[in-house]
Amino acid sequence: MKREDVLGIDHLGLTVSDLDATRTFFVDALGWEVFGSNPDYPAVYVTNGAAKLTLWQQKGTGLQGFDRHKNVGLHHVALKVPDEEALTAVFDAVKDWPAVVVEFAPEPSGSGPKLHFMILEPGGNRIEFSYDPR
């Protein structure tokens, strides 16, 4: 086997606490499209034409959100944007979205030149948006 035999990520699956709120966030705030669903699971599949996410409804009660310091699993999803203007536009579109928690506004990542910001989407997952001019 060669490392080129694995091409990259086909899609990423996220368990969310509120499937409708997360679907609405991706579709209405970010402009993504639903390209399928499975009501029996329940799950919704969204894409922006480049990335694909499967969103699954969390089952059960009393379950807590992911703690990036204590749990093994997804730390965050990082989505790239084409330039600094787009980073600002995305931040402006999501910062006041219902149930979105802004962890930090656009700032340099480390010493830069990469810029990024981090949010919790309405279903509880951490999402980083980043622009790297390199």
Protein backbone atom coordinates (compact mmCIF):
# COMPACT_ATOMS: atom_id res chain seq x y z
CA MET A 1 0.00 0.00 0.00
CA LYS A 2 1.11 3.56 -0.75
CA ARG A 3 0.08 6.64 1.20
CA GLU A 4 -1.59 7.91 -2.00
CA ASP A 5 -4.02 4.97 -1.80
CA VAL A 6 -6.01 6.97 0.76
CA LEU A 7 -7.09 10.16 -0.97
CA GLY A 8 -8.48 12.18 1.93
CA ILE A 9 -11.67 12.62 3.89
CA ASP A 10 -14.82 11.65 1.98
CA HIS A 11 -17.13 13.10 4.63
CA LEU A 12 -17.16 13.80 8.33
CA GLY A 13 -19.93 12.58 10.63
CA LEU A 14 -20.99 14.71 13.59
CA THR A 15 -23.40 13.77 16.36
CA VAL A 16 -25.43 16.83 17.32
CA SER A 17 -27.80 17.59 20.17
CA ASP A 18 -30.32 19.40 17.91
CA LEU A 19 -30.40 18.12 14.34
CA ASP A 20 -32.86 20.75 13.08
CA ALA A 21 -30.88 23.64 14.58
CA THR A 22 -27.58 22.35 13.18
CA ARG A 23 -29.07 21.71 9.71
CA THR A 24 -30.56 25.21 9.72
CA PHE A 25 -27.21 26.68 10.79
CA PHE A 26 -25.32 25.03 7.94
CA VAL A 27 -28.00 25.77 5.32
CA ASP A 28 -29.16 29.25 6.32
CA ALA A 29 -26.08 30.76 8.01
CA LEU A 30 -23.38 29.17 5.85
CA GLY A 31 -25.28 28.62 2.59
CA TRP A 32 -24.68 24.85 2.40
CA GLU A 33 -27.17 22.47 0.76
CA VAL A 34 -28.88 19.33 2.03
CA PHE A 35 -28.05 16.47 -0.35
CA GLY A 36 -29.82 13.68 1.51
CA SER A 37 -31.24 12.44 4.76
CA ASN A 38 -32.23 9.33 6.66
CA PRO A 39 -35.26 10.03 8.85
CA ASP A 40 -35.00 6.59 10.50
CA TYR A 41 -31.49 7.25 11.83
CA PRO A 42 -32.15 10.32 11.97
CA ALA A 43 -29.45 12.02 9.89
CA VAL A 44 -29.07 14.87 7.41
CA TYR A 45 -26.28 15.18 4.83
CA VAL A 46 -25.00 18.68 3.95
CA THR A 47 -22.39 20.00 1.53
CA ASN A 48 -20.93 23.23 0.24
CA GLY A 49 -19.74 21.50 -2.93
CA ALA A 50 -16.27 20.83 -1.52
CA ALA A 51 -16.88 19.38 1.95
CA LYS A 52 -19.57 16.93 3.06
CA LEU A 53 -20.89 16.45 6.58
CA THR A 54 -23.26 13.86 7.97
CA LEU A 55 -25.21 15.22 10.92
CA TRP A 56 -26.70 12.66 13.32
CA GLN A 57 -29.21 13.36 16.06
CA GLN A 58 -27.86 12.46 19.50
CA LYS A 59 -29.94 9.81 21.21
CA GLY A 60 -30.66 9.43 24.90
CA THR A 61 -31.02 11.89 27.70
CA GLY A 62 -28.56 13.28 30.16
CA LEU A 63 -25.68 13.07 27.69
CA GLN A 64 -23.16 15.85 27.95
CA GLY A 65 -21.33 17.70 25.23
CA PHE A 66 -17.80 16.84 24.24
CA ASP A 67 -15.06 18.15 26.51
CA ARG A 68 -11.93 18.63 24.39
CA HIS A 69 -9.74 18.37 27.49
CA LYS A 70 -11.23 15.16 28.92
CA ASN A 71 -12.65 13.04 26.11
CA VAL A 72 -11.19 11.06 23.26
CA GLY A 73 -12.90 12.02 20.02
CA LEU A 74 -13.48 14.98 17.81
CA HIS A 75 -11.68 18.08 19.07
CA HIS A 76 -13.04 20.36 16.34
CA VAL A 77 -13.78 20.60 12.64
CA ALA A 78 -11.67 23.16 10.76
CA LEU A 79 -13.19 24.68 7.63
CA LYS A 80 -11.02 26.80 5.37
CA VAL A 81 -12.05 30.03 3.68
CA PRO A 82 -10.38 31.62 0.62
CA ASP A 83 -9.29 34.94 2.10
CA GLU A 84 -9.44 37.32 5.05
CA GLU A 85 -12.54 39.05 3.65
CA ALA A 86 -14.39 35.72 3.60
CA LEU A 87 -13.25 34.96 7.16
CA THR A 88 -14.76 38.25 8.32
CA ALA A 89 -17.95 37.64 6.31
CA VAL A 90 -18.42 34.16 7.79
CA PHE A 91 -17.78 35.46 11.31
CA ASP A 92 -20.33 38.25 10.80
CA ALA A 93 -22.87 35.70 9.53
CA VAL A 94 -22.53 33.29 12.47
CA LYS A 95 -21.51 35.35 15.53
CA ASP A 96 -25.10 36.27 16.48
CA TRP A 97 -26.77 33.13 15.10
CA PRO A 98 -29.19 31.58 17.62
CA ALA A 99 -27.46 29.13 19.97
CA VAL A 100 -24.00 29.77 18.48
CA VAL A 101 -21.32 30.33 21.10
CA VAL A 102 -18.28 32.30 19.94
CA GLU A 103 -15.16 30.89 21.58
CA PHE A 104 -12.98 33.60 20.05
CA ALA A 105 -13.27 36.14 17.23
CA PRO A 106 -10.89 36.24 14.24
CA GLU A 107 -7.29 36.39 15.42
CA PRO A 108 -3.87 35.09 14.39
CA SER A 109 -3.26 31.40 14.92
CA GLY A 110 -0.10 31.33 16.98
CA SER A 111 2.26 33.89 15.49
CA GLY A 112 0.38 33.93 12.16
CA PRO A 113 0.07 34.49 9.30
CA LYS A 114 -2.90 32.10 9.56
CA LEU A 115 -6.08 33.74 10.90
CA HIS A 116 -8.94 31.86 12.50
CA PHE A 117 -11.96 31.92 14.81
CA MET A 118 -13.76 29.21 16.76
CA ILE A 119 -17.44 28.67 17.57
CA LEU A 120 -19.76 26.05 18.99
CA GLU A 121 -22.52 25.41 16.47
CA PRO A 122 -26.11 25.02 17.76
CA GLY A 123 -25.75 21.23 18.04
CA GLY A 124 -22.67 21.49 20.27
CA ASN A 125 -19.68 20.83 17.96
CA ARG A 126 -16.63 23.10 17.86
CA ILE A 127 -15.99 24.54 14.41
CA GLU A 128 -12.92 26.51 13.44
CA PHE A 129 -12.92 28.72 10.36
CA SER A 130 -9.48 29.60 9.05
CA TYR A 131 -7.63 31.44 6.34
CA ASP A 132 -3.98 30.70 5.67
CA PRO A 133 -2.29 32.94 3.08
CA ARG A 134 0.69 30.59 2.72
